[in-house]
Amino acid sequence: MTYEEYLDEVTTLIFEKYGLTEKQAITMVMRAQDKEFFVRHDDNEKLRNVDQAHADAKALFEAQASAPAAPAAPRKPR
């Protein structure tokens, strides 16, 4: 599959397997892409397969689940 198809597959798996919204799954994959998580997939076509997509979807979901929550925005005084 192409690089773009691979990213779509990972996004779809995150949405379907882990109960996130489509927007959350897309955001997760885009952030991973920004952090160069998928560079090796772009360079090596053999890494763009369904089994690898399942592994990457799980890795991205678990990484997000274990990341500390973003701090809440400060409240404005009344």
C-alpha atoms as a PDB file:
ATOM      1  CA  MET A   1       0.000   0.000   0.000  1.00  0.00           C
ATOM      2  CA  THR A   2       1.076   3.593  -0.437  1.00  0.00           C
ATOM      3  CA  TYR A   3       2.276   5.700   2.476  1.00  0.00           C
ATOM      4  CA  GLU A   4      -1.023   7.628   2.502  1.00  0.00           C
ATOM      5  CA  GLU A   5      -3.055   4.397   2.442  1.00  0.00           C
ATOM      6  CA  TYR A   6      -0.964   3.125   5.338  1.00  0.00           C
ATOM      7  CA  LEU A   7      -1.693   6.220   7.426  1.00  0.00           C
ATOM      8  CA  ASP A   8      -5.386   5.842   6.611  1.00  0.00           C
ATOM      9  CA  GLU A   9      -5.267   2.195   7.721  1.00  0.00           C
ATOM     10  CA  VAL A  10      -3.613   3.069  11.042  1.00  0.00           C
ATOM     11  CA  THR A  11      -6.141   5.857  11.601  1.00  0.00           C
ATOM     12  CA  THR A  12      -9.063   3.540  10.855  1.00  0.00           C
ATOM     13  CA  LEU A  13      -7.721   0.876  13.199  1.00  0.00           C
ATOM     14  CA  ILE A  14      -7.336   3.363  16.046  1.00  0.00           C
ATOM     15  CA  PHE A  15     -10.922   4.526  15.477  1.00  0.00           C
ATOM     16  CA  GLU A  16     -12.373   1.022  15.243  1.00  0.00           C
ATOM     17  CA  LYS A  17     -10.358  -0.813  17.895  1.00  0.00           C
ATOM     18  CA  TYR A  18      -9.942   1.783  20.617  1.00  0.00           C
ATOM     19  CA  GLY A  19     -13.238   3.681  20.581  1.00  0.00           C
ATOM     20  CA  LEU A  20     -11.845   7.093  19.780  1.00  0.00           C
ATOM     21  CA  THR A  21     -13.650   9.489  17.498  1.00  0.00           C
ATOM     22  CA  GLU A  22     -12.461   9.843  13.927  1.00  0.00           C
ATOM     23  CA  LYS A  23     -11.147  13.298  14.755  1.00  0.00           C
ATOM     24  CA  GLN A  24      -9.166  11.956  17.725  1.00  0.00           C
ATOM     25  CA  ALA A  25      -7.693   9.142  15.619  1.00  0.00           C
ATOM     26  CA  ILE A  26      -6.713  11.554  12.854  1.00  0.00           C
ATOM     27  CA  THR A  27      -5.140  13.909  15.372  1.00  0.00           C
ATOM     28  CA  MET A  28      -3.208  11.056  16.963  1.00  0.00           C
ATOM     29  CA  VAL A  29      -1.779   9.942  13.620  1.00  0.00           C
ATOM     30  CA  MET A  30      -0.961  13.510  12.578  1.00  0.00           C
ATOM     31  CA  ARG A  31       0.910  14.136  15.834  1.00  0.00           C
ATOM     32  CA  ALA A  32       2.830  10.883  15.408  1.00  0.00           C
ATOM     33  CA  GLN A  33       3.679  11.917  11.881  1.00  0.00           C
ATOM     34  CA  ASP A  34       4.906  15.310  13.133  1.00  0.00           C
ATOM     35  CA  LYS A  35       7.147  13.452  15.592  1.00  0.00           C
ATOM     36  CA  GLU A  36       8.498  11.386  12.655  1.00  0.00           C
ATOM     37  CA  PHE A  37       7.024   8.108  13.914  1.00  0.00           C
ATOM     38  CA  PHE A  38       6.256   7.047  10.343  1.00  0.00           C
ATOM     39  CA  VAL A  39       9.511   8.045   8.620  1.00  0.00           C
ATOM     40  CA  ARG A  40      10.735   4.468   8.397  1.00  0.00           C
ATOM     41  CA  HIS A  41       7.418   3.439   6.807  1.00  0.00           C
ATOM     42  CA  ASP A  42       7.865   6.084   4.131  1.00  0.00           C
ATOM     43  CA  ASP A  43      11.376   4.804   3.415  1.00  0.00           C
ATOM     44  CA  ASN A  44      10.563   1.066   3.535  1.00  0.00           C
ATOM     45  CA  GLU A  45       7.509  -0.150   1.627  1.00  0.00           C
ATOM     46  CA  LYS A  46       7.666  -3.550   3.348  1.00  0.00           C
ATOM     47  CA  LEU A  47       6.610  -1.871   6.614  1.00  0.00           C
ATOM     48  CA  ARG A  48       3.339  -0.706   5.073  1.00  0.00           C
ATOM     49  CA  ASN A  49       1.156  -3.769   5.665  1.00  0.00           C
ATOM     50  CA  VAL A  50      -1.925  -4.613   7.709  1.00  0.00           C
ATOM     51  CA  ASP A  51      -0.042  -6.466  10.451  1.00  0.00           C
ATOM     52  CA  GLN A  52       2.312  -3.515  10.961  1.00  0.00           C
ATOM     53  CA  ALA A  53      -0.663  -1.130  10.924  1.00  0.00           C
ATOM     54  CA  HIS A  54      -2.235  -3.073  13.811  1.00  0.00           C
ATOM     55  CA  ALA A  55       1.037  -2.917  15.755  1.00  0.00           C
ATOM     56  CA  ASP A  56       1.469   0.800  15.106  1.00  0.00           C
ATOM     57  CA  ALA A  57      -2.142   1.597  16.016  1.00  0.00           C
ATOM     58  CA  LYS A  58      -1.674  -0.218  19.322  1.00  0.00           C
ATOM     59  CA  ALA A  59       1.657   1.508  19.998  1.00  0.00           C
ATOM     60  CA  LEU A  60       0.212   4.961  19.317  1.00  0.00           C
ATOM     61  CA  PHE A  61      -2.869   4.326  21.440  1.00  0.00           C
ATOM     62  CA  GLU A  62      -0.846   2.953  24.343  1.00  0.00           C
ATOM     63  CA  ALA A  63       1.612   5.848  24.138  1.00  0.00           C
ATOM     64  CA  GLN A  64      -1.245   8.327  24.360  1.00  0.00           C
ATOM     65  CA  ALA A  65      -2.946   6.418  27.157  1.00  0.00           C
ATOM     66  CA  SER A  66       0.233   6.458  29.235  1.00  0.00           C
ATOM     67  CA  ALA A  67       1.045  10.114  28.520  1.00  0.00           C
ATOM     68  CA  PRO A  68       0.234  12.563  31.284  1.00  0.00           C
ATOM     69  CA  ALA A  69      -2.956  14.509  30.697  1.00  0.00           C
ATOM     70  CA  ALA A  70      -2.614  18.048  29.439  1.00  0.00           C
ATOM     71  CA  PRO A  71      -2.996  20.578  32.219  1.00  0.00           C
ATOM     72  CA  ALA A  72      -6.364  22.293  32.379  1.00  0.00           C
ATOM     73  CA  ALA A  73      -6.544  25.850  31.164  1.00  0.00           C
ATOM     74  CA  PRO A  74      -6.452  28.370  33.992  1.00  0.00           C
ATOM     75  CA  ARG A  75      -9.878  29.676  34.944  1.00  0.00           C
ATOM     76  CA  LYS A  76     -10.642  33.333  34.697  1.00  0.00           C
ATOM     77  CA  PRO A  77     -11.580  34.961  37.999  1.00  0.00           C
ATOM     78  CA  ARG A  78     -15.225  35.979  38.290  1.00  0.00           C
END
